[in-house]
């Protein structure tokens, strides 16, 4: 409930009845800055791994595409025959149990035990070794202790200062408007922009929806002009269901009911709008939404009301509810990343900076 109202406030028009509430959020953001500054003073590095470690994170609330970037980098490293470890807290899960298991075993567990993003990621990366712990620094320490990985990737690790990282990759959603880049809760920033000085590499995501990409790059350069920059476009390649999948062109003559619980639903909505004949209805839920039977029945009824050809969601939503019968075809949108400069250059950069060594056969 709060998240829905909060999004309405920060997305408001300049002259709006929500301006008074926005002023309250601005006051709260001042307290948030003070608390954050105080908290940071007492955070010290407690865990340093022998294995080279990369943090892939952001400084904003909500999705910037960092998890797809984790998958993207991990897959290329696996293709280069590196043993890849992935650290996650399993955000949103109900269990507190820790796991160190390969992806193909993690993918068999319920999302309530490991988290929706981890379950989806594990299905994509069956040969990566996953370490899931409520404290990411501890997850990294336990993974390093196994000696079974050549490199560790930490999903959403930029805020975890207790963990030493050998490289900080920061993802920035290029589709965001500058007016939203204010400190939480007045805006989307969960860290002051000056912390961008700690980044070793920037990946600007969703550049296909960027309105002011050059302005955004220039703004980031004020805080860090030395870090390398990459630009990523998310490209939909196919829709995938439990029993079958279709190339993305299948949507061209279809009407779609779209729903998702993600950080940046607006970007997804825009993307799907350009892929299908019609979006009958678009339902935005809270990030990491818990889907009750009543909520799923509501979605089913809406699809029946609009006589939608199919129902579409994201991969991390799909893994939580893939067994529910909506009475019509149900798929998730599979995406690839088009990186500029290319992925080969990025992997070469990582190899060079971290002096990566593969396990000898």
Protein backbone atom coordinates (compact mmCIF):
# COMPACT_ATOMS: atom_id res chain seq x y z
CA UNK A 1 0.00 0.00 0.00
CA UNK A 2 2.75 2.45 0.99
CA UNK A 3 4.82 1.58 -2.07
CA UNK A 4 1.89 2.29 -4.40
CA UNK A 5 1.26 5.70 -2.81
CA UNK A 6 4.97 6.52 -2.74
CA UNK A 7 5.30 5.83 -6.48
CA UNK A 8 2.32 8.09 -7.18
CA UNK A 9 3.93 10.90 -5.22
CA UNK A 10 7.33 10.76 -6.91
CA UNK A 11 5.71 10.40 -10.35
CA UNK A 12 3.41 13.37 -9.76
CA UNK A 13 3.16 16.29 -12.11
CA UNK A 14 4.82 19.52 -11.01
CA UNK A 15 1.55 21.13 -9.92
CA UNK A 16 -0.33 18.40 -8.11
CA UNK A 17 -2.39 17.78 -4.99
CA UNK A 18 0.36 15.35 -4.04
CA UNK A 19 2.89 18.18 -3.68
CA UNK A 20 2.21 18.51 0.05
CA UNK A 21 2.98 14.83 0.58
CA UNK A 22 6.08 15.29 -1.56
CA UNK A 23 7.25 18.04 0.79
CA UNK A 24 6.89 15.63 3.71
CA UNK A 25 8.99 13.09 1.81
CA UNK A 26 11.62 15.78 1.25
CA UNK A 27 11.80 16.39 5.01
CA UNK A 28 12.13 12.66 5.61
CA UNK A 29 14.92 12.45 3.04
CA UNK A 30 16.95 14.92 5.15
CA UNK A 31 16.68 12.60 8.15
CA UNK A 32 17.50 9.64 5.91
CA UNK A 33 20.70 11.38 4.78
CA UNK A 34 21.75 12.02 8.39
CA UNK A 35 21.05 8.42 9.43
CA UNK A 36 22.87 7.07 6.39
CA UNK A 37 25.93 9.23 7.04
CA UNK A 38 26.02 8.16 10.69
CA UNK A 39 25.58 4.49 9.79
CA UNK A 40 28.38 4.57 7.22
CA UNK A 41 30.87 5.85 9.79
CA UNK A 42 30.60 2.60 11.72
CA UNK A 43 30.75 0.25 8.74
CA UNK A 44 34.13 -1.40 8.33
CA UNK A 45 35.33 -4.12 6.01
CA UNK A 46 35.04 -7.42 7.87
CA UNK A 47 35.31 -9.98 5.06
CA UNK A 48 37.97 -10.16 2.36
CA UNK A 49 37.92 -13.15 0.05
CA UNK A 50 40.94 -14.79 -1.55
CA UNK A 51 38.83 -15.32 -4.65
CA UNK A 52 38.45 -12.20 -6.87
CA UNK A 53 35.07 -10.62 -6.13
CA UNK A 54 32.88 -8.33 -8.21
CA UNK A 55 29.92 -6.40 -6.82
CA UNK A 56 27.16 -5.62 -9.30
CA UNK A 57 24.79 -3.09 -7.79
CA UNK A 58 23.20 0.33 -8.04
CA UNK A 59 22.38 3.40 -5.98
CA UNK A 60 18.66 3.56 -6.68
CA UNK A 61 15.56 1.91 -5.25
CA UNK A 62 14.01 -0.54 -7.67
CA UNK A 63 15.24 -2.34 -10.72
CA UNK A 64 18.05 -1.07 -12.91
CA UNK A 65 18.62 -4.44 -14.55
CA UNK A 66 21.47 -5.47 -12.28
CA UNK A 67 20.32 -9.10 -11.97
CA UNK A 68 20.20 -9.61 -15.77
CA UNK A 69 23.69 -8.08 -15.86
CA UNK A 70 24.83 -10.62 -13.25
CA UNK A 71 23.43 -13.39 -15.44
CA UNK A 72 25.01 -11.88 -18.56
CA UNK A 73 28.51 -11.62 -17.08
CA UNK A 74 28.30 -14.99 -15.33
CA UNK A 75 27.32 -16.77 -18.53
CA UNK A 76 30.25 -15.34 -20.48
CA UNK A 77 32.68 -16.24 -17.70
CA UNK A 78 31.28 -19.78 -17.60
CA UNK A 79 31.74 -19.98 -21.36
CA UNK A 80 35.39 -19.06 -20.78
CA UNK A 81 35.61 -22.06 -18.43
CA UNK A 82 35.82 -20.07 -15.20
CA UNK A 83 34.13 -21.54 -12.14
CA UNK A 84 31.62 -18.85 -11.21
CA UNK A 85 30.13 -18.28 -7.77
CA UNK A 86 27.10 -16.06 -7.17
CA UNK A 87 26.22 -14.45 -3.84
CA UNK A 88 22.69 -13.38 -2.91
CA UNK A 89 20.65 -12.77 0.23
CA UNK A 90 17.58 -14.28 -1.47
CA UNK A 91 15.63 -11.07 -0.91
CA UNK A 92 11.93 -11.61 -0.23
CA UNK A 93 12.19 -15.25 0.81
CA UNK A 94 10.55 -16.58 3.98
CA UNK A 95 13.33 -18.98 4.93
CA UNK A 96 16.48 -17.98 6.86
CA UNK A 97 18.39 -21.13 5.91
CA UNK A 98 21.68 -20.71 4.07
CA UNK A 99 22.62 -22.68 0.95
CA UNK A 100 25.71 -23.41 -1.12
CA UNK A 101 24.51 -25.39 -4.11
CA UNK A 102 24.94 -25.45 -7.90
CA UNK A 103 22.30 -23.67 -9.93
CA UNK A 104 20.58 -26.81 -11.18
CA UNK A 105 19.87 -27.83 -7.56
CA UNK A 106 18.90 -24.31 -6.45
CA UNK A 107 16.38 -24.12 -9.32
CA UNK A 108 14.52 -27.12 -7.86
CA UNK A 109 13.85 -25.33 -4.57
CA UNK A 110 10.76 -23.22 -3.95
CA UNK A 111 11.10 -19.46 -4.37
CA UNK A 112 9.90 -18.99 -0.77
CA UNK A 113 13.11 -20.74 0.35
CA UNK A 114 15.63 -18.95 -1.88
CA UNK A 115 13.93 -15.86 -3.36
CA UNK A 116 12.33 -15.29 -6.76
CA UNK A 117 15.33 -13.64 -8.44
CA UNK A 118 17.70 -16.40 -7.29
CA UNK A 119 15.38 -19.15 -8.51
CA UNK A 120 15.09 -17.54 -11.94
CA UNK A 121 18.84 -16.86 -12.08
CA UNK A 122 19.66 -20.45 -11.09
CA UNK A 123 17.51 -21.78 -13.92
CA UNK A 124 19.55 -19.71 -16.37
CA UNK A 125 22.92 -20.59 -14.79
CA UNK A 126 22.73 -24.29 -13.80
CA UNK A 127 26.53 -24.64 -13.61
CA UNK A 128 27.22 -21.64 -11.37
CA UNK A 129 27.68 -22.20 -7.63
CA UNK A 130 25.19 -20.20 -5.54
CA UNK A 131 25.72 -19.05 -1.96
CA UNK A 132 22.58 -17.75 -0.28
CA UNK A 133 22.73 -16.18 3.17
CA UNK A 134 20.82 -13.33 4.83
CA UNK A 135 24.20 -11.55 5.23
CA UNK A 136 25.95 -11.24 1.89
CA UNK A 137 29.40 -10.82 3.44
CA UNK A 138 28.94 -14.16 5.19
CA UNK A 139 27.63 -15.76 2.00
CA UNK A 140 30.78 -14.61 0.20
CA UNK A 141 33.04 -15.88 3.00
CA UNK A 142 31.42 -19.32 2.97
CA UNK A 143 31.62 -19.53 -0.82
CA UNK A 144 35.28 -18.49 -0.82
CA UNK A 145 36.02 -21.11 1.83
CA UNK A 146 34.88 -23.93 -0.49
CA UNK A 147 37.72 -23.23 -2.93
CA UNK A 148 35.37 -24.28 -5.73
CA UNK A 149 35.14 -20.98 -7.62
CA UNK A 150 37.52 -18.78 -9.63
CA UNK A 151 35.44 -15.62 -9.33
CA UNK A 152 32.57 -14.41 -7.13
CA UNK A 153 29.74 -12.17 -8.34
CA UNK A 154 27.66 -10.41 -5.69
CA UNK A 155 24.15 -9.50 -6.82
CA UNK A 156 23.25 -6.06 -5.42
CA UNK A 157 26.41 -5.67 -3.36
CA UNK A 158 27.21 -1.95 -3.62
CA UNK A 159 25.68 -1.08 -0.23
CA UNK A 160 27.42 -3.91 1.65
CA UNK A 161 30.53 -2.14 2.86
CA UNK A 162 31.47 -4.95 5.25
CA UNK A 163 32.51 -6.94 2.20
CA UNK A 164 35.69 -6.07 0.32
CA UNK A 165 35.21 -6.06 -3.43
CA UNK A 166 37.90 -6.12 -6.10
CA UNK A 167 35.65 -4.44 -8.64
CA UNK A 168 32.52 -2.32 -8.28
CA UNK A 169 30.19 -2.44 -11.27
CA UNK A 170 27.32 0.04 -10.90
CA UNK A 171 24.24 -0.20 -13.12
CA UNK A 172 22.31 2.98 -13.88
CA UNK A 173 18.83 2.95 -15.43
CA UNK A 174 19.10 5.40 -18.31
CA UNK A 175 15.30 5.52 -18.68
CA UNK A 176 14.91 7.33 -15.37
CA UNK A 177 14.16 11.03 -15.47
CA UNK A 178 16.56 13.37 -13.68
CA UNK A 179 13.76 14.69 -11.45
CA UNK A 180 13.56 11.23 -9.84
CA UNK A 181 17.24 11.18 -8.92
CA UNK A 182 16.71 12.60 -5.45
CA UNK A 183 17.50 10.93 -2.14
CA UNK A 184 14.94 8.42 -0.85
CA UNK A 185 12.08 8.76 -0.02
CA UNK A 186 11.81 12.05 -1.94
CA UNK A 187 13.30 10.28 -4.93
CA UNK A 188 14.80 6.95 -5.97
CA UNK A 189 18.35 7.33 -4.68
CA UNK A 190 19.21 5.05 -1.79
CA UNK A 191 22.75 6.47 -1.74
CA UNK A 192 24.01 10.03 -2.34
CA UNK A 193 25.36 10.47 -5.86
CA UNK A 194 28.86 11.18 -4.52
CA UNK A 195 29.20 7.46 -3.78
CA UNK A 196 29.46 6.91 -7.53
CA UNK A 197 33.11 7.89 -7.10
CA UNK A 198 33.66 4.35 -5.74
CA UNK A 199 32.54 2.68 -8.98
CA UNK A 200 35.13 1.02 -11.22
CA UNK A 201 32.77 0.55 -14.15
CA UNK A 202 29.34 1.86 -15.12
CA UNK A 203 26.72 0.03 -17.17
CA UNK A 204 23.91 2.29 -18.35
CA UNK A 205 20.86 0.06 -18.87
CA UNK A 206 17.64 0.49 -20.86
CA UNK A 207 19.32 3.02 -23.14
CA UNK A 208 16.60 2.35 -25.73
CA UNK A 209 14.23 4.33 -23.50
CA UNK A 210 16.67 7.07 -22.49
CA UNK A 211 15.43 10.61 -23.02
CA UNK A 212 18.55 12.46 -21.93
CA UNK A 213 21.37 9.91 -22.10
CA UNK A 214 24.13 12.43 -22.81
CA UNK A 215 22.93 14.64 -19.93
CA UNK A 216 22.89 11.65 -17.58
CA UNK A 217 26.39 10.55 -18.61
CA UNK A 218 27.68 14.08 -18.11
CA UNK A 219 26.10 14.23 -14.67
CA UNK A 220 27.67 10.92 -13.63
CA UNK A 221 31.04 12.13 -14.93
CA UNK A 222 31.01 14.93 -12.36
CA UNK A 223 31.32 12.30 -9.66
CA UNK A 224 33.48 9.80 -11.53
CA UNK A 225 35.09 10.46 -14.90
CA UNK A 226 37.66 7.65 -14.72
CA UNK A 227 35.41 4.57 -14.64
CA UNK A 228 34.77 2.83 -17.95
CA UNK A 229 31.24 3.12 -19.37
CA UNK A 230 29.14 0.53 -21.14
CA UNK A 231 25.66 0.95 -22.60
CA UNK A 232 23.11 -1.86 -22.50
CA UNK A 233 19.84 -2.36 -24.34
CA UNK A 234 17.44 -5.08 -23.18
CA UNK A 235 16.17 -7.00 -26.18
CA UNK A 236 13.20 -9.37 -25.94
CA UNK A 237 13.94 -12.58 -27.85
CA UNK A 238 11.12 -14.97 -26.98
CA UNK A 239 8.25 -15.74 -24.64
CA UNK A 240 8.64 -18.85 -22.50
CA UNK A 241 5.97 -20.96 -20.83
CA UNK A 242 5.99 -24.21 -18.86
CA UNK A 243 5.64 -26.45 -21.90
CA UNK A 244 6.56 -24.33 -24.91
CA UNK A 245 8.10 -21.10 -26.10
CA UNK A 246 7.73 -18.84 -29.11
CA UNK A 247 9.92 -16.25 -30.85
CA UNK A 248 9.03 -12.67 -29.95
CA UNK A 249 7.27 -12.13 -33.30
CA UNK A 250 4.50 -14.37 -31.96
CA UNK A 251 3.22 -11.35 -29.99
CA UNK A 252 2.73 -9.16 -33.06
CA UNK A 253 -0.91 -10.16 -33.59
CA UNK A 254 -1.78 -10.94 -29.98
CA UNK A 255 -3.58 -9.05 -27.22
CA UNK A 256 -1.84 -9.28 -23.86
CA UNK A 257 -2.68 -8.93 -20.19
CA UNK A 258 0.57 -7.84 -18.55
CA UNK A 259 1.44 -7.96 -14.87
CA UNK A 260 4.66 -7.89 -12.84
CA UNK A 261 6.09 -7.09 -9.43
CA UNK A 262 9.35 -5.38 -10.37
CA UNK A 263 11.19 -2.17 -9.59
CA UNK A 264 10.63 -0.45 -12.95
CA UNK A 265 7.28 -1.55 -14.33
CA UNK A 266 6.97 1.47 -16.62
CA UNK A 267 9.95 0.37 -18.71
CA UNK A 268 8.52 -3.13 -19.08
CA UNK A 269 5.15 -1.72 -20.07
CA UNK A 270 6.74 0.42 -22.78
CA UNK A 271 8.72 -2.52 -24.10
CA UNK A 272 5.72 -4.85 -24.34
CA UNK A 273 3.58 -2.10 -25.88
CA UNK A 274 5.91 -2.06 -28.91
CA UNK A 275 5.86 -5.85 -29.25
CA UNK A 276 2.16 -6.78 -29.31
CA UNK A 277 -1.08 -5.75 -30.98
CA UNK A 278 -2.63 -4.49 -27.78
CA UNK A 279 -2.12 -4.48 -24.02
CA UNK A 280 -5.60 -5.19 -22.67
CA UNK A 281 -4.61 -4.36 -19.12
CA UNK A 282 -1.37 -3.70 -17.24
CA UNK A 283 -1.11 -4.52 -13.55
CA UNK A 284 1.80 -3.10 -11.56
CA UNK A 285 2.52 -4.82 -8.27
CA UNK A 286 5.08 -4.28 -5.53
CA UNK A 287 8.60 -5.49 -6.20
CA UNK A 288 8.88 -9.16 -5.17
CA UNK A 289 5.09 -9.37 -4.93
CA UNK A 290 3.65 -12.29 -2.98
CA UNK A 291 0.89 -13.79 -5.10
CA UNK A 292 -2.05 -15.13 -3.11
CA UNK A 293 -4.68 -17.36 -4.67
CA UNK A 294 -7.16 -14.46 -4.47
CA UNK A 295 -4.80 -12.16 -6.38
CA UNK A 296 -4.15 -14.78 -9.07
CA UNK A 297 -7.90 -15.31 -9.44
CA UNK A 298 -8.29 -11.56 -9.94
CA UNK A 299 -5.71 -11.63 -12.74
CA UNK A 300 -7.50 -14.61 -14.29
CA UNK A 301 -10.85 -12.79 -14.18
CA UNK A 302 -9.36 -9.71 -15.84
CA UNK A 303 -7.95 -11.85 -18.65
CA UNK A 304 -11.39 -13.38 -19.13
CA UNK A 305 -13.07 -9.96 -19.07
CA UNK A 306 -10.81 -8.58 -21.81
CA UNK A 307 -10.59 -11.92 -23.62
CA UNK A 308 -6.80 -11.59 -23.75
CA UNK A 309 -4.96 -13.95 -26.07
CA UNK A 310 -2.32 -14.57 -23.44
CA UNK A 311 -0.95 -13.47 -20.07
CA UNK A 312 2.60 -12.16 -19.83
CA UNK A 313 4.93 -11.46 -16.91
CA UNK A 314 8.63 -11.46 -16.00
CA UNK A 315 10.88 -14.42 -15.26
CA UNK A 316 11.11 -13.76 -11.53
CA UNK A 317 7.32 -13.51 -11.25
CA UNK A 318 6.79 -16.59 -13.40
CA UNK A 319 8.87 -18.93 -11.21
CA UNK A 320 6.58 -18.24 -8.24
CA UNK A 321 3.28 -19.02 -9.99
CA UNK A 322 4.08 -21.15 -13.04
CA UNK A 323 1.75 -23.94 -11.87
CA UNK A 324 -1.34 -21.73 -11.57
CA UNK A 325 -4.01 -22.35 -14.19
CA UNK A 326 -5.07 -19.02 -15.73
CA UNK A 327 -7.28 -20.78 -18.27
CA UNK A 328 -5.14 -19.46 -21.15
CA UNK A 329 -1.51 -19.34 -22.25
CA UNK A 330 0.87 -17.91 -19.67
CA UNK A 331 4.44 -16.85 -20.48
CA UNK A 332 7.34 -14.73 -19.31
CA UNK A 333 9.35 -12.38 -21.47
CA UNK A 334 12.89 -13.63 -22.05
CA UNK A 335 15.49 -10.92 -22.58
CA UNK A 336 19.03 -10.68 -23.87
CA UNK A 337 21.45 -7.78 -23.51
CA UNK A 338 22.99 -5.86 -26.38
CA UNK A 339 26.12 -4.27 -24.93
CA UNK A 340 28.14 -1.39 -26.36
CA UNK A 341 31.11 -1.80 -26.43
CA UNK A 342 30.69 -5.55 -26.81
CA UNK A 343 30.65 -8.22 -24.16
CA UNK A 344 34.06 -9.49 -25.28
CA UNK A 345 35.64 -6.20 -24.29
CA UNK A 346 33.88 -6.26 -20.93
CA UNK A 347 35.09 -9.78 -20.13
CA UNK A 348 38.63 -8.88 -21.26
CA UNK A 349 38.48 -5.84 -18.96
CA UNK A 350 37.41 -8.01 -16.02
CA UNK A 351 40.10 -10.61 -16.77
CA UNK A 352 42.80 -7.98 -16.96
CA UNK A 353 41.77 -5.98 -13.89
CA UNK A 354 41.31 -9.01 -11.65
CA UNK A 355 44.12 -11.12 -13.14
CA UNK A 356 41.77 -14.07 -13.28
CA UNK A 357 43.16 -17.56 -13.24
CA UNK A 358 41.29 -20.68 -14.23
CA UNK A 359 41.44 -23.94 -12.30
CA UNK A 360 43.88 -26.24 -14.05
CA UNK A 361 42.34 -29.54 -15.22
